[in-house]
Amino acid sequence: NLNVGNDKETMISAITHGLPYMGFPRTLNALSCVNEIIPE
């Protein structure tokens, strides 16, 4: 996503949108992956 021009905020927004469908555990795991690749 970074390589094609999507920034961290766009990824977080998309993952947040998925929260009601995928649940907190998978959302938190996804955010952990995002933060590992793109640290705060």
ModelCIF file with pLDDT and N, C-alpha, C, O atoms, coordinates in Angstrom:
data_MODEL
#
_entry.id   MODEL 
#
_entity.id                         1 
_entity.type                       polymer 
_entity.pdbx_number_of_molecules   1 
#
_entity_poly.entity_id                      1 
_entity_poly.type                           'polypeptide(L)' 
_entity_poly.nstd_linkage                   no 
_entity_poly.nstd_monomer                   no 
_entity_poly.pdbx_seq_one_letter_code       NLNVGNDKETMISAITHGLPYMGFPRTLNALSCVNEIIPE 
_entity_poly.pdbx_seq_one_letter_code_can   NLNVGNDKETMISAITHGLPYMGFPRTLNALSCVNEIIPE 
_entity_poly.pdbx_strand_id                 A 
#
loop_
_entity_poly_seq.entity_id 
_entity_poly_seq.num 
_entity_poly_seq.mon_id 
_entity_poly_seq.hetero 
1 1  ASN n 
1 2  LEU n 
1 3  ASN n 
1 4  VAL n 
1 5  GLY n 
1 6  ASN n 
1 7  ASP n 
1 8  LYS n 
1 9  GLU n 
1 10 THR n 
1 11 MET n 
1 12 ILE n 
1 13 SER n 
1 14 ALA n 
1 15 ILE n 
1 16 THR n 
1 17 HIS n 
1 18 GLY n 
1 19 LEU n 
1 20 PRO n 
1 21 TYR n 
1 22 MET n 
1 23 GLY n 
1 24 PHE n 
1 25 PRO n 
1 26 ARG n 
1 27 THR n 
1 28 LEU n 
1 29 ASN n 
1 30 ALA n 
1 31 LEU n 
1 32 SER n 
1 33 CYS n 
1 34 VAL n 
1 35 ASN n 
1 36 GLU n 
1 37 ILE n 
1 38 ILE n 
1 39 PRO n 
1 40 GLU n 
#
_struct_asym.id          A 
_struct_asym.entity_id   1 
#
loop_
_ma_qa_metric.id 
_ma_qa_metric.mode 
_ma_qa_metric.name 
_ma_qa_metric.software_group_id 
_ma_qa_metric.type 
1 global pLDDT . pLDDT 
2 local  pLDDT . pLDDT 
#
_ma_qa_metric_global.metric_id      1 
_ma_qa_metric_global.metric_value   97.75 
_ma_qa_metric_global.model_id       1 
_ma_qa_metric_global.ordinal_id     1 
#
loop_
_ma_qa_metric_local.label_asym_id 
_ma_qa_metric_local.label_comp_id 
_ma_qa_metric_local.label_seq_id 
_ma_qa_metric_local.metric_id 
_ma_qa_metric_local.metric_value 
_ma_qa_metric_local.model_id 
_ma_qa_metric_local.ordinal_id 
A ASN 1  2 98.00 1 1  
A LEU 2  2 98.00 1 2  
A ASN 3  2 98.00 1 3  
A VAL 4  2 98.00 1 4  
A GLY 5  2 98.00 1 5  
A ASN 6  2 98.00 1 6  
A ASP 7  2 98.00 1 7  
A LYS 8  2 98.00 1 8  
A GLU 9  2 98.00 1 9  
A THR 10 2 98.00 1 10 
A MET 11 2 98.00 1 11 
A ILE 12 2 98.00 1 12 
A SER 13 2 98.00 1 13 
A ALA 14 2 98.00 1 14 
A ILE 15 2 98.00 1 15 
A THR 16 2 98.00 1 16 
A HIS 17 2 98.00 1 17 
A GLY 18 2 97.00 1 18 
A LEU 19 2 98.00 1 19 
A PRO 20 2 98.00 1 20 
A TYR 21 2 97.00 1 21 
A MET 22 2 97.00 1 22 
A GLY 23 2 98.00 1 23 
A PHE 24 2 98.00 1 24 
A PRO 25 2 98.00 1 25 
A ARG 26 2 98.00 1 26 
A THR 27 2 98.00 1 27 
A LEU 28 2 98.00 1 28 
A ASN 29 2 98.00 1 29 
A ALA 30 2 98.00 1 30 
A LEU 31 2 98.00 1 31 
A SER 32 2 98.00 1 32 
A CYS 33 2 98.00 1 33 
A VAL 34 2 98.00 1 34 
A ASN 35 2 98.00 1 35 
A GLU 36 2 98.00 1 36 
A ILE 37 2 98.00 1 37 
A ILE 38 2 98.00 1 38 
A PRO 39 2 97.00 1 39 
A GLU 40 2 92.00 1 40 
#
loop_
_atom_site.group_PDB 
_atom_site.id 
_atom_site.type_symbol 
_atom_site.label_atom_id 
_atom_site.label_alt_id 
_atom_site.label_comp_id 
_atom_site.label_asym_id 
_atom_site.label_entity_id 
_atom_site.label_seq_id 
_atom_site.pdbx_PDB_ins_code 
_atom_site.Cartn_x 
_atom_site.Cartn_y 
_atom_site.Cartn_z 
_atom_site.occupancy 
_atom_site.B_iso_or_equiv 
_atom_site.pdbx_formal_charge 
_atom_site.auth_seq_id 
_atom_site.auth_comp_id 
_atom_site.auth_asym_id 
_atom_site.auth_atom_id 
_atom_site.pdbx_PDB_model_num 
ATOM 1   N N  . ASN A 1 1  ? 0.826   -1.208 0.000  1.00 98.00 ? 1  ASN A N  1 
ATOM 2   C CA . ASN A 1 1  ? 0.000   0.000  0.000  1.00 98.00 ? 1  ASN A CA 1 
ATOM 3   C C  . ASN A 1 1  ? 0.858   1.254  0.000  1.00 98.00 ? 1  ASN A C  1 
ATOM 4   O O  . ASN A 1 1  ? 0.579   2.203  -0.732 1.00 98.00 ? 1  ASN A O  1 
ATOM 5   N N  . LEU A 1 2  ? 1.892   1.257  0.814  1.00 98.00 ? 2  LEU A N  1 
ATOM 6   C CA . LEU A 1 2  ? 2.806   2.396  0.807  1.00 98.00 ? 2  LEU A CA 1 
ATOM 7   C C  . LEU A 1 2  ? 3.416   2.583  -0.579 1.00 98.00 ? 2  LEU A C  1 
ATOM 8   O O  . LEU A 1 2  ? 3.509   3.699  -1.091 1.00 98.00 ? 2  LEU A O  1 
ATOM 9   N N  . ASN A 1 3  ? 3.826   1.473  -1.167 1.00 98.00 ? 3  ASN A N  1 
ATOM 10  C CA . ASN A 1 3  ? 4.502   1.526  -2.464 1.00 98.00 ? 3  ASN A CA 1 
ATOM 11  C C  . ASN A 1 3  ? 3.609   2.061  -3.582 1.00 98.00 ? 3  ASN A C  1 
ATOM 12  O O  . ASN A 1 3  ? 4.110   2.659  -4.535 1.00 98.00 ? 3  ASN A O  1 
ATOM 13  N N  . VAL A 1 4  ? 2.294   1.856  -3.480 1.00 98.00 ? 4  VAL A N  1 
ATOM 14  C CA . VAL A 1 4  ? 1.397   2.351  -4.530 1.00 98.00 ? 4  VAL A CA 1 
ATOM 15  C C  . VAL A 1 4  ? 0.780   3.703  -4.185 1.00 98.00 ? 4  VAL A C  1 
ATOM 16  O O  . VAL A 1 4  ? -0.020  4.234  -4.956 1.00 98.00 ? 4  VAL A O  1 
ATOM 17  N N  . GLY A 1 5  ? 1.151   4.268  -3.020 1.00 98.00 ? 5  GLY A N  1 
ATOM 18  C CA . GLY A 1 5  ? 0.726   5.625  -2.702 1.00 98.00 ? 5  GLY A CA 1 
ATOM 19  C C  . GLY A 1 5  ? -0.341  5.773  -1.638 1.00 98.00 ? 5  GLY A C  1 
ATOM 20  O O  . GLY A 1 5  ? -0.812  6.886  -1.407 1.00 98.00 ? 5  GLY A O  1 
ATOM 21  N N  . ASN A 1 6  ? -0.740  4.698  -0.984 1.00 98.00 ? 6  ASN A N  1 
ATOM 22  C CA . ASN A 1 6  ? -1.680  4.820  0.135  1.00 98.00 ? 6  ASN A CA 1 
ATOM 23  C C  . ASN A 1 6  ? -0.876  5.088  1.406  1.00 98.00 ? 6  ASN A C  1 
ATOM 24  O O  . ASN A 1 6  ? 0.102   4.394  1.684  1.00 98.00 ? 6  ASN A O  1 
ATOM 25  N N  . ASP A 1 7  ? -1.289  6.088  2.170  1.00 98.00 ? 7  ASP A N  1 
ATOM 26  C CA . ASP A 1 7  ? -0.548  6.408  3.394  1.00 98.00 ? 7  ASP A CA 1 
ATOM 27  C C  . ASP A 1 7  ? -1.136  5.668  4.599  1.00 98.00 ? 7  ASP A C  1 
ATOM 28  O O  . ASP A 1 7  ? -2.165  5.000  4.498  1.00 98.00 ? 7  ASP A O  1 
ATOM 29  N N  . LYS A 1 8  ? -0.461  5.806  5.728  1.00 98.00 ? 8  LYS A N  1 
ATOM 30  C CA . LYS A 1 8  ? -0.865  5.104  6.946  1.00 98.00 ? 8  LYS A CA 1 
ATOM 31  C C  . LYS A 1 8  ? -2.286  5.484  7.359  1.00 98.00 ? 8  LYS A C  1 
ATOM 32  O O  . LYS A 1 8  ? -3.069  4.617  7.748  1.00 98.00 ? 8  LYS A O  1 
ATOM 33  N N  . GLU A 1 9  ? -2.622  6.761  7.279  1.00 98.00 ? 9  GLU A N  1 
ATOM 34  C CA . GLU A 1 9  ? -3.957  7.200  7.688  1.00 98.00 ? 9  GLU A CA 1 
ATOM 35  C C  . GLU A 1 9  ? -5.048  6.582  6.825  1.00 98.00 ? 9  GLU A C  1 
ATOM 36  O O  . GLU A 1 9  ? -6.120  6.246  7.329  1.00 98.00 ? 9  GLU A O  1 
ATOM 37  N N  . THR A 1 10 ? -4.787  6.429  5.533  1.00 98.00 ? 10 THR A N  1 
ATOM 38  C CA . THR A 1 10 ? -5.759  5.794  4.643  1.00 98.00 ? 10 THR A CA 1 
ATOM 39  C C  . THR A 1 10 ? -5.957  4.340  5.044  1.00 98.00 ? 10 THR A C  1 
ATOM 40  O O  . THR A 1 10 ? -7.086  3.852  5.089  1.00 98.00 ? 10 THR A O  1 
ATOM 41  N N  . MET A 1 11 ? -4.852  3.642  5.340  1.00 98.00 ? 11 MET A N  1 
ATOM 42  C CA . MET A 1 11 ? -4.957  2.244  5.758  1.00 98.00 ? 11 MET A CA 1 
ATOM 43  C C  . MET A 1 11 ? -5.714  2.117  7.069  1.00 98.00 ? 11 MET A C  1 
ATOM 44  O O  . MET A 1 11 ? -6.569  1.242  7.213  1.00 98.00 ? 11 MET A O  1 
ATOM 45  N N  . ILE A 1 12 ? -5.402  2.991  8.034  1.00 98.00 ? 12 ILE A N  1 
ATOM 46  C CA . ILE A 1 12 ? -6.088  2.942  9.326  1.00 98.00 ? 12 ILE A CA 1 
ATOM 47  C C  . ILE A 1 12 ? -7.580  3.229  9.138  1.00 98.00 ? 12 ILE A C  1 
ATOM 48  O O  . ILE A 1 12 ? -8.418  2.581  9.765  1.00 98.00 ? 12 ILE A O  1 
ATOM 49  N N  . SER A 1 13 ? -7.912  4.185  8.290  1.00 98.00 ? 13 SER A N  1 
ATOM 50  C CA . SER A 1 13 ? -9.325  4.503  8.033  1.00 98.00 ? 13 SER A CA 1 
ATOM 51  C C  . SER A 1 13 ? -10.056 3.309  7.414  1.00 98.00 ? 13 SER A C  1 
ATOM 52  O O  . SER A 1 13 ? -11.188 3.009  7.794  1.00 98.00 ? 13 SER A O  1 
ATOM 53  N N  . ALA A 1 14 ? -9.419  2.636  6.472  1.00 98.00 ? 14 ALA A N  1 
ATOM 54  C CA . ALA A 1 14 ? -10.047 1.479  5.827  1.00 98.00 ? 14 ALA A CA 1 
ATOM 55  C C  . ALA A 1 14 ? -10.219 0.326  6.813  1.00 98.00 ? 14 ALA A C  1 
ATOM 56  O O  . ALA A 1 14 ? -11.263 -0.326 6.835  1.00 98.00 ? 14 ALA A O  1 
ATOM 57  N N  . ILE A 1 15 ? -9.201  0.076  7.625  1.00 98.00 ? 15 ILE A N  1 
ATOM 58  C CA . ILE A 1 15 ? -9.287  -0.988 8.627  1.00 98.00 ? 15 ILE A CA 1 
ATOM 59  C C  . ILE A 1 15 ? -10.360 -0.639 9.661  1.00 98.00 ? 15 ILE A C  1 
ATOM 60  O O  . ILE A 1 15 ? -11.120 -1.509 10.086 1.00 98.00 ? 15 ILE A O  1 
ATOM 61  N N  . THR A 1 16 ? -10.421 0.620  10.060 1.00 98.00 ? 16 THR A N  1 
ATOM 62  C CA . THR A 1 16 ? -11.446 1.065  11.009 1.00 98.00 ? 16 THR A CA 1 
ATOM 63  C C  . THR A 1 16 ? -12.842 0.829  10.439 1.00 98.00 ? 16 THR A C  1 
ATOM 64  O O  . THR A 1 16 ? -13.745 0.389  11.150 1.00 98.00 ? 16 THR A O  1 
ATOM 65  N N  . HIS A 1 17 ? -13.008 1.122  9.161  1.00 98.00 ? 17 HIS A N  1 
ATOM 66  C CA . HIS A 1 17 ? -14.301 0.883  8.510  1.00 98.00 ? 17 HIS A CA 1 
ATOM 67  C C  . HIS A 1 17 ? -14.674 -0.600 8.585  1.00 98.00 ? 17 HIS A C  1 
ATOM 68  O O  . HIS A 1 17 ? -15.856 -0.931 8.685  1.00 98.00 ? 17 HIS A O  1 
ATOM 69  N N  . GLY A 1 18 ? -13.699 -1.481 8.538  1.00 97.00 ? 18 GLY A N  1 
ATOM 70  C CA . GLY A 1 18 ? -13.955 -2.923 8.595  1.00 97.00 ? 18 GLY A CA 1 
ATOM 71  C C  . GLY A 1 18 ? -14.247 -3.453 9.988  1.00 97.00 ? 18 GLY A C  1 
ATOM 72  O O  . GLY A 1 18 ? -14.699 -4.589 10.128 1.00 97.00 ? 18 GLY A O  1 
ATOM 73  N N  . LEU A 1 19 ? -14.001 -2.660 11.019 1.00 98.00 ? 19 LEU A N  1 
ATOM 74  C CA . LEU A 1 19 ? -14.156 -3.106 12.406 1.00 98.00 ? 19 LEU A CA 1 
ATOM 75  C C  . LEU A 1 19 ? -15.477 -3.816 12.694 1.00 98.00 ? 19 LEU A C  1 
ATOM 76  O O  . LEU A 1 19 ? -15.449 -4.907 13.264 1.00 98.00 ? 19 LEU A O  1 
ATOM 77  N N  . PRO A 1 20 ? -16.633 -3.255 12.330 1.00 98.00 ? 20 PRO A N  1 
ATOM 78  C CA . PRO A 1 20 ? -17.869 -3.951 12.679 1.00 98.00 ? 20 PRO A CA 1 
ATOM 79  C C  . PRO A 1 20 ? -18.043 -5.289 11.973 1.00 98.00 ? 20 PRO A C  1 
ATOM 80  O O  . PRO A 1 20 ? -18.829 -6.127 12.416 1.00 98.00 ? 20 PRO A O  1 
ATOM 81  N N  . TYR A 1 21 ? -17.323 -5.492 10.891 1.00 97.00 ? 21 TYR A N  1 
ATOM 82  C CA . TYR A 1 21 ? -17.452 -6.728 10.120 1.00 97.00 ? 21 TYR A CA 1 
ATOM 83  C C  . TYR A 1 21 ? -16.420 -7.772 10.519 1.00 97.00 ? 21 TYR A C  1 
ATOM 84  O O  . TYR A 1 21 ? -16.689 -8.971 10.449 1.00 97.00 ? 21 TYR A O  1 
ATOM 85  N N  . MET A 1 22 ? -15.235 -7.324 10.939 1.00 97.00 ? 22 MET A N  1 
ATOM 86  C CA . MET A 1 22 ? -14.165 -8.272 11.245 1.00 97.00 ? 22 MET A CA 1 
ATOM 87  C C  . MET A 1 22 ? -13.869 -8.404 12.727 1.00 97.00 ? 22 MET A C  1 
ATOM 88  O O  . MET A 1 22 ? -13.152 -9.321 13.129 1.00 97.00 ? 22 MET A O  1 
ATOM 89  N N  . GLY A 1 23 ? -14.403 -7.513 13.548 1.00 98.00 ? 23 GLY A N  1 
ATOM 90  C CA . GLY A 1 23 ? -14.247 -7.617 14.985 1.00 98.00 ? 23 GLY A CA 1 
ATOM 91  C C  . GLY A 1 23 ? -12.972 -6.970 15.497 1.00 98.00 ? 23 GLY A C  1 
ATOM 92  O O  . GLY A 1 23 ? -12.061 -6.642 14.737 1.00 98.00 ? 23 GLY A O  1 
ATOM 93  N N  . PHE A 1 24 ? -12.937 -6.797 16.814 1.00 98.00 ? 24 PHE A N  1 
ATOM 94  C CA . PHE A 1 24 ? -11.800 -6.138 17.448 1.00 98.00 ? 24 PHE A CA 1 
ATOM 95  C C  . PHE A 1 24 ? -10.495 -6.943 17.350 1.00 98.00 ? 24 PHE A C  1 
ATOM 96  O O  . PHE A 1 24 ? -9.460  -6.355 17.037 1.00 98.00 ? 24 PHE A O  1 
ATOM 97  N N  . PRO A 1 25 ? -10.495 -8.260 17.602 1.00 98.00 ? 25 PRO A N  1 
ATOM 98  C CA . PRO A 1 25 ? -9.210  -8.969 17.552 1.00 98.00 ? 25 PRO A CA 1 
ATOM 99  C C  . PRO A 1 25 ? -8.497  -8.836 16.206 1.00 98.00 ? 25 PRO A C  1 
ATOM 100 O O  . PRO A 1 25 ? -7.293  -8.582 16.168 1.00 98.00 ? 25 PRO A O  1 
ATOM 101 N N  . ARG A 1 26 ? -9.225  -9.005 15.110 1.00 98.00 ? 26 ARG A N  1 
ATOM 102 C CA . ARG A 1 26 ? -8.584  -8.911 13.791 1.00 98.00 ? 26 ARG A CA 1 
ATOM 103 C C  . ARG A 1 26 ? -8.245  -7.469 13.434 1.00 98.00 ? 26 ARG A C  1 
ATOM 104 O O  . ARG A 1 26 ? -7.248  -7.211 12.761 1.00 98.00 ? 26 ARG A O  1 
ATOM 105 N N  . THR A 1 27 ? -9.063  -6.542 13.880 1.00 98.00 ? 27 THR A N  1 
ATOM 106 C CA . THR A 1 27 ? -8.743  -5.128 13.660 1.00 98.00 ? 27 THR A CA 1 
ATOM 107 C C  . THR A 1 27 ? -7.464  -4.759 14.403 1.00 98.00 ? 27 THR A C  1 
ATOM 108 O O  . THR A 1 27 ? -6.574  -4.120 13.840 1.00 98.00 ? 27 THR A O  1 
ATOM 109 N N  . LEU A 1 28 ? -7.376  -5.159 15.659 1.00 98.00 ? 28 LEU A N  1 
ATOM 110 C CA . LEU A 1 28 ? -6.173  -4.858 16.439 1.00 98.00 ? 28 LEU A CA 1 
ATOM 111 C C  . LEU A 1 28 ? -4.938  -5.543 15.865 1.00 98.00 ? 28 LEU A C  1 
ATOM 112 O O  . LEU A 1 28 ? -3.853  -4.961 15.857 1.00 98.00 ? 28 LEU A O  1 
ATOM 113 N N  . ASN A 1 29 ? -5.096  -6.769 15.388 1.00 98.00 ? 29 ASN A N  1 
ATOM 114 C CA . ASN A 1 29 ? -3.970  -7.453 14.740 1.00 98.00 ? 29 ASN A CA 1 
ATOM 115 C C  . ASN A 1 29 ? -3.526  -6.704 13.491 1.00 98.00 ? 29 ASN A C  1 
ATOM 116 O O  . ASN A 1 29 ? -2.329  -6.552 13.246 1.00 98.00 ? 29 ASN A O  1 
ATOM 117 N N  . ALA A 1 30 ? -4.485  -6.238 12.704 1.00 98.00 ? 30 ALA A N  1 
ATOM 118 C CA . ALA A 1 30 ? -4.150  -5.481 11.490 1.00 98.00 ? 30 ALA A CA 1 
ATOM 119 C C  . ALA A 1 30 ? -3.421  -4.196 11.835 1.00 98.00 ? 30 ALA A C  1 
ATOM 120 O O  . ALA A 1 30 ? -2.427  -3.849 11.198 1.00 98.00 ? 30 ALA A O  1 
ATOM 121 N N  . LEU A 1 31 ? -3.919  -3.480 12.856 1.00 98.00 ? 31 LEU A N  1 
ATOM 122 C CA . LEU A 1 31 ? -3.259  -2.245 13.263 1.00 98.00 ? 31 LEU A CA 1 
ATOM 123 C C  . LEU A 1 31 ? -1.855  -2.509 13.786 1.00 98.00 ? 31 LEU A C  1 
ATOM 124 O O  . LEU A 1 31 ? -0.947  -1.707 13.568 1.00 98.00 ? 31 LEU A O  1 
ATOM 125 N N  . SER A 1 32 ? -1.674  -3.623 14.470 1.00 98.00 ? 32 SER A N  1 
ATOM 126 C CA . SER A 1 32 ? -0.342  -4.007 14.933 1.00 98.00 ? 32 SER A CA 1 
ATOM 127 C C  . SER A 1 32 ? 0.599   -4.218 13.744 1.00 98.00 ? 32 SER A C  1 
ATOM 128 O O  . SER A 1 32 ? 1.759   -3.809 13.788 1.00 98.00 ? 32 SER A O  1 
ATOM 129 N N  . CYS A 1 33 ? 0.107   -4.848 12.696 1.00 98.00 ? 33 CYS A N  1 
ATOM 130 C CA . CYS A 1 33 ? 0.910   -5.045 11.482 1.00 98.00 ? 33 CYS A CA 1 
ATOM 131 C C  . CYS A 1 33 ? 1.249   -3.710 10.840 1.00 98.00 ? 33 CYS A C  1 
ATOM 132 O O  . CYS A 1 33 ? 2.389   -3.487 10.431 1.00 98.00 ? 33 CYS A O  1 
ATOM 133 N N  . VAL A 1 34 ? 0.259   -2.813 10.750 1.00 98.00 ? 34 VAL A N  1 
ATOM 134 C CA . VAL A 1 34 ? 0.500   -1.488 10.180 1.00 98.00 ? 34 VAL A CA 1 
ATOM 135 C C  . VAL A 1 34 ? 1.568   -0.763 10.987 1.00 98.00 ? 34 VAL A C  1 
ATOM 136 O O  . VAL A 1 34 ? 2.492   -0.178 10.422 1.00 98.00 ? 34 VAL A O  1 
ATOM 137 N N  . ASN A 1 35 ? 1.437   -0.804 12.322 1.00 98.00 ? 35 ASN A N  1 
ATOM 138 C CA . ASN A 1 35 ? 2.397   -0.089 13.170 1.00 98.00 ? 35 ASN A CA 1 
ATOM 139 C C  . ASN A 1 35 ? 3.791   -0.710 13.149 1.00 98.00 ? 35 ASN A C  1 
ATOM 140 O O  . ASN A 1 35 ? 4.783   -0.013 13.360 1.00 98.00 ? 35 ASN A O  1 
ATOM 141 N N  . GLU A 1 36 ? 3.868   -2.002 12.898 1.00 98.00 ? 36 GLU A N  1 
ATOM 142 C CA . GLU A 1 36 ? 5.190   -2.632 12.775 1.00 98.00 ? 36 GLU A CA 1 
ATOM 143 C C  . GLU A 1 36 ? 5.905   -2.163 11.523 1.00 98.00 ? 36 GLU A C  1 
ATOM 144 O O  . GLU A 1 36 ? 7.109   -1.906 11.545 1.00 98.00 ? 36 GLU A O  1 
ATOM 145 N N  . ILE A 1 37 ? 5.161   -2.052 10.428 1.00 98.00 ? 37 ILE A N  1 
ATOM 146 C CA . ILE A 1 37 ? 5.758   -1.626 9.158  1.00 98.00 ? 37 ILE A CA 1 
ATOM 147 C C  . ILE A 1 37 ? 5.938   -0.105 9.123  1.00 98.00 ? 37 ILE A C  1 
ATOM 148 O O  . ILE A 1 37 ? 6.915   0.391  8.562  1.00 98.00 ? 37 ILE A O  1 
ATOM 149 N N  . ILE A 1 38 ? 5.005   0.627  9.716  1.00 98.00 ? 38 ILE A N  1 
ATOM 150 C CA . ILE A 1 38 ? 5.062   2.094  9.723  1.00 98.00 ? 38 ILE A CA 1 
ATOM 151 C C  . ILE A 1 38 ? 4.946   2.545  11.181 1.00 98.00 ? 38 ILE A C  1 
ATOM 152 O O  . ILE A 1 38 ? 3.849   2.875  11.630 1.00 98.00 ? 38 ILE A O  1 
ATOM 153 N N  . PRO A 1 39 ? 6.039   2.565  11.917 1.00 97.00 ? 39 PRO A N  1 
ATOM 154 C CA . PRO A 1 39 ? 5.974   2.947  13.337 1.00 97.00 ? 39 PRO A CA 1 
ATOM 155 C C  . PRO A 1 39 ? 5.464   4.384  13.506 1.00 97.00 ? 39 PRO A C  1 
ATOM 156 O O  . PRO A 1 39 ? 5.668   5.245  12.650 1.00 97.00 ? 39 PRO A O  1 
ATOM 157 N N  . GLU A 1 40 ? 4.800   4.604  14.629 1.00 92.00 ? 40 GLU A N  1 
ATOM 158 C CA . GLU A 1 40 ? 4.358   5.958  14.958 1.00 92.00 ? 40 GLU A CA 1 
ATOM 159 C C  . GLU A 1 40 ? 5.585   6.824  15.196 1.00 92.00 ? 40 GLU A C  1 
ATOM 160 O O  . GLU A 1 40 ? 5.454   8.012  15.490 1.00 92.00 ? 40 GLU A O  1 
#
